[in-house]
Amino acid sequence: MTSGRESDTPMPGGPESDPPVPGGPVAGGPAPGGAALSGPAARREYALVLGTAAAGAVLVLLSVRQGWAQVVTAAPAPLPRSTVRVSGQDLVPVAGALAVASLAALAAVIATRGLARRLVGVFLAASGALIAVLVSAGLGSTDVLAAARGAVASQAGSAIAGGGAAGPGATPGATGGTPGVSAAAHVVMASFPWRPLAAVGGLAVLAAGILVTWRGPRWPAMSGRYSRADGGKTQPVADTSTLWESLSRGVDPTEQPGQPGRPLGS
């Protein structure tokens, strides 16, 4: 005997038994391609990449300002020998300029989004690659001597313009057109690996630029918390007569219409 009471169990294939669609809103699928990511993981990735680029650029700047070589020129007794310090900035001036430009590009990464942020990432990657190539290129004695002559000439010009002596590097040499640096000068390379450190800094900027190009558009952009919540619409300003009429009726003229107790512009 069949009971007239219907069963509470849903029938197979009914709407209540349909499985969730993979990747749908119930399954919590990933955000569509190109959408901005949010959450602690995205912020950590964002901060890590920016920190890596900044550390690499600072490492390059620190390295190129150190002495990469010395040019020692012997002098007849009793005169002391002259020593000219040659820094990485003297040998590879473009590397320092690219490091400064990379630091400035980090501000552009924070301020931009989408395609503009990708373009900044491409610039960072190109700057890092060029820095690594320049500081890793072979440097010979000829390059060091040319940089030393340029450094001594610059120091001598500054000293003459200031009315002072040219300094210890201005001791006349035996054979050569620049005081203090002769053709018989001895080149001594620095023992501390400043050049490899500069190359590491360039590679760090390169890696950060690649990540900005790849992942940058998904990172959060600058917050719009300071934008007007009403979309920039300004409230109409009542004239003086309307304000006096409202006060005479006992109505607060600063309240918005239809919203008692809320002043205008709040």
Protein backbone atom coordinates (compact mmCIF):
# COMPACT_ATOMS: atom_id res chain seq x y z
CA MET A 1 0.00 0.00 0.00
CA THR A 2 1.51 3.30 -1.12
CA SER A 3 1.39 6.19 1.31
CA GLY A 4 0.14 9.52 0.09
CA ARG A 5 2.97 11.25 1.89
CA GLU A 6 5.72 12.39 -0.46
CA SER A 7 9.29 11.56 0.39
CA ASP A 8 11.64 14.37 1.52
CA THR A 9 14.56 12.77 -0.34
CA PRO A 10 15.36 14.66 -3.58
CA MET A 11 15.10 12.67 -6.76
CA PRO A 12 18.33 11.81 -8.58
CA GLY A 13 19.16 14.35 -11.24
CA GLY A 14 17.09 17.06 -9.51
CA PRO A 15 18.35 20.58 -8.93
CA GLU A 16 19.42 19.83 -5.36
CA SER A 17 21.68 16.95 -6.38
CA ASP A 18 23.64 18.73 -9.11
CA PRO A 19 27.37 18.73 -8.27
CA PRO A 20 29.16 22.07 -8.09
CA VAL A 21 30.78 23.14 -11.30
CA PRO A 22 34.58 22.99 -11.03
CA GLY A 23 36.04 26.48 -10.97
CA GLY A 24 32.63 28.05 -10.43
CA PRO A 25 31.70 30.40 -7.63
CA VAL A 26 30.84 27.53 -5.27
CA ALA A 27 34.09 25.69 -5.91
CA GLY A 28 36.06 28.89 -5.38
CA GLY A 29 37.99 28.71 -8.63
CA PRO A 30 40.90 31.01 -9.40
CA ALA A 31 40.41 34.57 -10.43
CA PRO A 32 40.19 35.13 -14.17
CA GLY A 33 43.41 35.85 -16.01
CA GLY A 34 44.72 39.35 -15.53
CA ALA A 35 42.59 40.07 -12.47
CA ALA A 36 44.25 41.72 -9.50
CA LEU A 37 45.20 39.42 -6.67
CA SER A 38 44.59 40.28 -3.06
CA GLY A 39 45.52 38.87 0.28
CA PRO A 40 48.68 38.48 2.33
CA ALA A 41 50.36 36.22 -0.23
CA ALA A 42 50.08 38.78 -3.04
CA ARG A 43 51.30 41.58 -0.76
CA ARG A 44 54.28 39.52 0.36
CA GLU A 45 55.19 38.73 -3.24
CA TYR A 46 54.82 42.39 -4.16
CA ALA A 47 57.03 43.55 -1.30
CA LEU A 48 59.61 40.82 -1.91
CA VAL A 49 60.07 41.74 -5.56
CA LEU A 50 60.34 45.46 -4.83
CA GLY A 51 62.78 44.78 -2.00
CA THR A 52 64.92 42.58 -4.24
CA ALA A 53 65.10 45.25 -6.94
CA ALA A 54 65.94 47.97 -4.42
CA ALA A 55 68.63 45.84 -2.76
CA GLY A 56 70.17 45.00 -6.13
CA ALA A 57 70.28 48.64 -7.25
CA VAL A 58 71.78 49.77 -3.93
CA LEU A 59 74.38 47.00 -4.15
CA VAL A 60 75.38 48.20 -7.61
CA LEU A 61 75.69 51.81 -6.40
CA LEU A 62 77.76 50.74 -3.41
CA SER A 63 80.05 48.58 -5.53
CA VAL A 64 80.75 51.09 -8.30
CA ARG A 65 81.77 53.74 -5.77
CA GLN A 66 84.56 51.53 -4.42
CA GLY A 67 88.10 51.25 -5.75
CA TRP A 68 88.33 48.56 -8.40
CA ALA A 69 92.00 49.19 -9.22
CA GLN A 70 95.03 51.35 -8.43
CA VAL A 71 97.55 52.87 -10.78
CA VAL A 72 100.96 53.14 -9.13
CA THR A 73 103.62 55.30 -10.77
CA ALA A 74 107.21 55.21 -9.53
CA ALA A 75 109.01 58.53 -9.08
CA PRO A 76 112.71 59.33 -8.80
CA ALA A 77 114.04 59.42 -5.25
CA PRO A 78 113.42 61.14 -2.95
CA LEU A 79 109.99 61.81 -4.42
CA PRO A 80 107.27 59.37 -3.29
CA ARG A 81 105.45 57.26 -5.78
CA SER A 82 102.02 58.40 -6.88
CA THR A 83 98.93 56.23 -6.54
CA VAL A 84 95.69 56.92 -8.39
CA ARG A 85 92.56 55.13 -7.19
CA VAL A 86 90.20 54.04 -9.96
CA SER A 87 86.61 53.35 -8.94
CA GLY A 88 83.95 51.38 -10.72
CA GLN A 89 82.21 54.64 -11.54
CA ASP A 90 85.33 55.72 -13.45
CA LEU A 91 85.46 52.44 -15.35
CA VAL A 92 81.74 51.80 -15.95
CA PRO A 93 79.83 55.07 -15.43
CA VAL A 94 76.71 53.75 -17.17
CA ALA A 95 76.21 51.07 -14.49
CA GLY A 96 75.74 53.65 -11.74
CA ALA A 97 73.32 55.67 -13.86
CA LEU A 98 71.25 52.57 -14.59
CA ALA A 99 71.15 51.70 -10.89
CA VAL A 100 69.77 55.15 -10.06
CA ALA A 101 67.20 54.82 -12.86
CA SER A 102 66.17 51.41 -11.49
CA LEU A 103 65.52 52.90 -8.06
CA ALA A 104 63.36 55.59 -9.67
CA ALA A 105 61.48 52.92 -11.64
CA LEU A 106 60.38 51.25 -8.40
CA ALA A 107 58.24 54.29 -7.63
CA ALA A 108 56.67 53.88 -11.07
CA VAL A 109 55.88 50.24 -10.28
CA ILE A 110 53.95 51.36 -7.19
CA ALA A 111 52.10 54.14 -9.00
CA THR A 112 51.13 52.25 -12.16
CA ARG A 113 49.07 49.20 -13.04
CA GLY A 114 48.29 46.98 -16.00
CA LEU A 115 50.24 47.55 -19.20
CA ALA A 116 52.14 50.53 -17.77
CA ARG A 117 53.45 48.35 -14.96
CA ARG A 118 54.54 45.71 -17.48
CA LEU A 119 56.51 48.34 -19.40
CA VAL A 120 58.24 49.43 -16.20
CA GLY A 121 59.11 45.79 -15.56
CA VAL A 122 60.64 45.52 -19.02
CA PHE A 123 62.76 48.59 -18.29
CA LEU A 124 63.92 47.10 -14.98
CA ALA A 125 64.83 43.81 -16.65
CA ALA A 126 66.75 45.57 -19.43
CA SER A 127 68.59 47.79 -16.93
CA GLY A 128 69.60 44.82 -14.76
CA ALA A 129 70.82 42.82 -17.76
CA LEU A 130 72.87 45.75 -19.07
CA ILE A 131 74.41 46.36 -15.64
CA ALA A 132 75.42 42.71 -15.33
CA VAL A 133 76.98 42.73 -18.82
CA LEU A 134 78.89 45.98 -18.31
CA VAL A 135 80.42 45.12 -14.94
CA SER A 136 81.26 41.58 -16.07
CA ALA A 137 83.09 42.64 -19.23
CA GLY A 138 86.83 42.14 -19.25
CA LEU A 139 88.89 45.10 -18.03
CA GLY A 140 92.52 45.36 -19.02
CA SER A 141 95.36 47.60 -17.99
CA THR A 142 94.62 49.91 -20.89
CA ASP A 143 91.07 50.51 -19.64
CA VAL A 144 92.29 51.18 -16.11
CA LEU A 145 95.00 53.60 -17.30
CA ALA A 146 92.52 55.50 -19.46
CA ALA A 147 90.09 55.79 -16.55
CA ALA A 148 92.91 56.90 -14.24
CA ARG A 149 94.01 59.59 -16.68
CA GLY A 150 90.46 60.86 -16.89
CA ALA A 151 90.13 60.89 -13.10
CA VAL A 152 93.43 62.75 -12.64
CA ALA A 153 92.57 65.28 -15.34
CA SER A 154 89.19 65.91 -13.68
CA GLN A 155 90.83 66.38 -10.28
CA ALA A 156 93.46 68.68 -11.74
CA GLY A 157 90.81 70.79 -13.48
CA SER A 158 88.80 71.08 -10.27
CA ALA A 159 91.90 72.07 -8.31
CA ILE A 160 92.90 74.74 -10.84
CA ALA A 161 89.37 76.14 -10.87
CA GLY A 162 89.45 76.28 -7.07
CA GLY A 163 92.89 77.87 -6.96
CA GLY A 164 94.49 74.99 -5.04
CA ALA A 165 97.01 72.27 -5.69
CA ALA A 166 96.11 69.34 -7.87
CA GLY A 167 96.70 66.86 -5.07
CA PRO A 168 98.95 63.83 -4.66
CA GLY A 169 97.94 62.39 -8.01
CA ALA A 170 99.44 65.32 -9.90
CA THR A 171 103.06 64.24 -9.62
CA PRO A 172 104.61 64.53 -13.09
CA GLY A 173 105.20 61.20 -14.79
CA ALA A 174 108.08 60.03 -16.90
CA THR A 175 106.38 59.49 -20.23
CA GLY A 176 102.75 60.33 -20.78
CA GLY A 177 100.50 63.23 -21.41
CA THR A 178 98.73 63.22 -18.01
CA PRO A 179 100.44 64.20 -14.75
CA GLY A 180 100.66 61.36 -12.27
CA VAL A 181 99.87 58.57 -14.77
CA SER A 182 102.71 57.57 -17.10
CA ALA A 183 102.97 54.82 -19.66
CA ALA A 184 105.20 52.88 -17.24
CA ALA A 185 102.59 52.93 -14.45
CA HIS A 186 101.73 49.67 -12.72
CA VAL A 187 98.10 48.61 -12.49
CA VAL A 188 96.96 46.76 -9.36
CA MET A 189 93.44 45.33 -9.33
CA ALA A 190 91.48 45.42 -6.07
CA SER A 191 91.44 42.19 -4.08
CA PHE A 192 87.86 42.61 -2.82
CA PRO A 193 85.34 41.32 -5.39
CA TRP A 194 83.45 44.55 -5.99
CA ARG A 195 82.83 43.71 -9.62
CA PRO A 196 81.13 40.36 -8.88
CA LEU A 197 78.98 42.06 -6.26
CA ALA A 198 77.89 44.64 -8.81
CA ALA A 199 77.05 41.84 -11.22
CA VAL A 200 74.95 40.14 -8.51
CA GLY A 201 73.10 43.41 -7.97
CA GLY A 202 72.40 43.69 -11.69
CA LEU A 203 71.07 40.13 -11.79
CA ALA A 204 68.79 40.91 -8.85
CA VAL A 205 67.35 43.90 -10.72
CA LEU A 206 66.96 41.69 -13.82
CA ALA A 207 65.04 39.01 -11.90
CA ALA A 208 62.81 41.60 -10.26
CA GLY A 209 62.06 43.19 -13.63
CA ILE A 210 61.04 39.83 -15.09
CA LEU A 211 58.69 39.20 -12.17
CA VAL A 212 57.19 42.68 -12.47
CA THR A 213 56.56 42.07 -16.17
CA TRP A 214 55.00 38.68 -15.50
CA ARG A 215 53.15 39.15 -12.22
CA GLY A 216 52.95 42.93 -11.90
CA PRO A 217 49.46 43.47 -13.36
CA ARG A 218 48.03 41.00 -10.82
CA TRP A 219 49.41 42.86 -7.82
CA PRO A 220 47.31 45.42 -5.97
CA ALA A 221 47.57 49.01 -7.11
CA MET A 222 47.56 52.20 -5.08
CA SER A 223 44.57 52.46 -2.77
CA GLY A 224 41.71 54.79 -3.62
CA ARG A 225 40.72 55.32 -0.02
CA TYR A 226 41.14 59.07 -0.39
CA SER A 227 38.70 59.36 -3.29
CA ARG A 228 35.25 60.76 -2.64
CA ALA A 229 32.72 58.10 -1.74
CA ASP A 230 29.97 59.97 -3.61
CA GLY A 231 31.89 59.79 -6.89
CA GLY A 232 33.03 63.40 -6.74
CA LYS A 233 29.53 64.88 -6.75
CA THR A 234 29.30 68.10 -4.79
CA GLN A 235 26.28 69.01 -2.74
CA PRO A 236 24.32 72.06 -3.85
CA VAL A 237 25.05 75.16 -1.82
CA ALA A 238 21.98 76.94 -0.55
CA ASP A 239 21.85 80.72 -0.76
CA THR A 240 21.66 83.01 2.25
CA SER A 241 17.90 83.56 2.06
CA THR A 242 17.18 79.82 2.07
CA LEU A 243 19.42 79.34 5.12
CA TRP A 244 17.61 82.08 7.04
CA GLU A 245 14.20 80.66 6.12
CA SER A 246 15.28 77.21 7.36
CA LEU A 247 16.51 78.66 10.63
CA SER A 248 13.28 80.57 11.13
CA ARG A 249 11.30 77.34 10.71
CA GLY A 250 13.55 75.57 13.22
CA VAL A 251 15.18 73.31 10.58
CA ASP A 252 18.89 72.68 10.59
CA PRO A 253 20.06 73.84 7.14
CA THR A 254 23.21 71.68 7.31
CA GLU A 255 21.25 68.41 7.23
CA GLN A 256 20.88 66.56 3.96
CA PRO A 257 17.33 66.28 2.61
CA GLY A 258 15.73 63.00 3.62
CA GLN A 259 18.55 62.13 6.07
CA PRO A 260 17.86 63.79 9.43
CA GLY A 261 20.81 64.35 11.66
CA ARG A 262 23.39 64.11 8.85
CA PRO A 263 25.04 67.43 7.93
CA LEU A 264 25.67 68.41 4.34
CA GLY A 265 28.99 67.25 2.91
CA SER A 266 29.42 64.47 5.49
